[in-house]
Protein backbone atom coordinates (compact mmCIF):
# COMPACT_ATOMS: atom_id res chain seq x y z
CA MET A 1 -0.35 -17.29 -9.08
CA SER A 2 1.77 -15.27 -11.50
CA THR A 3 2.38 -11.56 -11.04
CA ASP A 4 0.59 -10.86 -14.36
CA LYS A 5 -2.49 -12.75 -13.14
CA LEU A 6 -2.39 -10.82 -9.83
CA LYS A 7 -2.26 -7.50 -11.66
CA GLN A 8 -5.28 -8.43 -13.78
CA GLU A 9 -7.34 -9.06 -10.62
CA THR A 10 -6.43 -5.82 -8.84
CA ALA A 11 -7.30 -2.14 -9.19
CA PRO A 12 -4.43 -0.59 -11.22
CA HIS A 13 -5.88 2.91 -11.65
CA ARG A 14 -6.17 3.87 -8.00
CA VAL A 15 -3.93 4.09 -4.98
CA ILE A 16 -5.28 1.32 -2.78
CA LEU A 17 -5.49 1.77 0.99
CA VAL A 18 -5.25 -1.47 2.97
CA GLY A 19 -6.02 -1.71 6.67
CA VAL A 20 -3.72 -4.26 8.30
CA GLY A 21 -5.03 -4.05 11.85
CA PRO A 22 -5.01 -5.71 14.33
CA GLY A 23 -1.45 -6.49 13.25
CA ASP A 24 -1.65 -10.18 12.39
CA PRO A 25 -1.32 -11.24 8.74
CA GLU A 26 -3.82 -14.04 9.40
CA TYR A 27 -6.59 -11.42 9.61
CA LEU A 28 -5.93 -9.81 6.23
CA THR A 29 -8.65 -10.15 3.63
CA VAL A 30 -8.02 -12.09 0.45
CA ARG A 31 -8.30 -8.81 -1.49
CA ALA A 32 -5.71 -7.13 0.76
CA VAL A 33 -3.26 -9.99 0.21
CA ARG A 34 -3.85 -9.85 -3.55
CA GLU A 35 -3.37 -6.05 -3.75
CA ILE A 36 -0.18 -6.09 -1.68
CA ALA A 37 1.35 -8.95 -3.66
CA ALA A 38 0.54 -7.33 -7.00
CA ALA A 39 1.70 -3.82 -6.09
CA ASP A 40 4.73 -2.18 -7.65
CA VAL A 41 5.05 -0.04 -4.51
CA VAL A 42 3.75 -0.73 -0.99
CA ALA A 43 4.00 2.21 1.41
CA GLY A 44 3.41 2.43 5.15
CA PHE A 45 5.02 3.00 8.50
CA ALA A 46 7.69 0.44 9.43
CA THR A 47 5.55 -1.25 12.09
CA VAL A 48 2.71 -1.63 9.60
CA LEU A 49 4.92 -2.92 6.78
CA ALA A 50 6.39 -5.48 9.17
CA VAL A 51 2.97 -7.16 9.30
CA VAL A 52 2.88 -7.63 5.51
CA GLU A 53 6.56 -7.79 4.59
CA GLN A 54 6.32 -11.43 3.49
CA LEU A 55 3.68 -10.41 0.92
CA ILE A 56 5.59 -7.50 -0.65
CA ILE A 57 7.04 -8.44 -4.02
CA GLY A 58 7.59 -4.90 -5.33
CA GLN A 59 9.26 -1.94 -3.66
CA GLY A 60 8.60 -1.11 -0.02
CA MET A 61 8.38 2.57 0.92
CA VAL A 62 8.77 3.32 4.62
CA LEU A 63 6.91 6.35 5.91
CA THR A 64 7.90 8.24 9.03
CA TYR A 65 6.23 11.19 10.69
CA ARG A 66 9.01 13.38 9.31
CA ASN A 67 8.98 12.14 5.72
CA GLN A 68 5.39 11.06 5.10
CA GLU A 69 4.43 14.11 3.03
CA GLU A 70 7.47 13.79 0.77
CA GLN A 71 7.10 10.02 0.49
CA LEU A 72 3.40 10.26 -0.34
CA ALA A 73 4.20 12.88 -2.98
CA GLU A 74 6.73 10.45 -4.46
CA LEU A 75 4.11 7.70 -4.33
CA ALA A 76 1.72 10.02 -6.21
CA ARG A 77 4.36 10.55 -8.90
CA MET A 78 4.89 6.80 -9.21
CA HIS A 79 1.14 6.27 -9.43
CA THR A 80 0.85 8.92 -12.14
CA ALA A 81 3.62 7.11 -14.02
CA GLY A 82 1.45 3.99 -14.07
CA LYS A 83 2.71 2.09 -11.03
CA HIS A 84 0.27 0.04 -8.96
CA CYS A 85 0.53 1.60 -5.50
CA VAL A 86 -0.77 0.36 -2.15
CA VAL A 87 -0.64 2.19 1.19
CA CYS A 88 -0.93 -0.01 4.28
CA CYS A 89 -2.06 1.49 7.56
CA TYR A 90 -3.43 0.80 11.01
CA GLY A 91 -6.40 2.59 12.43
CA ASP A 92 -9.06 4.58 10.68
CA LEU A 93 -8.69 4.34 6.90
CA LYS A 94 -10.81 7.47 6.46
CA LEU A 95 -8.32 9.55 8.42
CA PHE A 96 -5.31 8.20 6.53
CA ARG A 97 -7.17 8.53 3.23
CA THR A 98 -7.27 12.30 3.70
CA ARG A 99 -3.47 12.40 3.68
CA VAL A 100 -3.22 10.15 0.65
CA ASP A 101 -5.88 12.13 -1.24
CA CYS A 102 -3.96 15.34 -0.57
CA ALA A 103 -0.74 13.83 -1.90
CA CYS A 104 -2.28 12.12 -4.90
């Protein structure tokens, strides 16, 4: 599937949160795979990105506990500039969403 086709089938006007637990790419939903592959930027902690690294076509953005606020602010700027942004995370998406909402 071409990148243009992927972008047509994804949600370009929102930052997409993707849960990648329990840590095996075989358990990702079809939608998660599509969003990650079509994203201009995929952000997440290194251990989380390792699960989906083979799907990332665009830029990867590694978050750490020390830089997550600055990196999410940068992600928000990229999103505002029209980039399709995805944040991958383990655990409770509602908890992580609060951080992303604050940044974006």
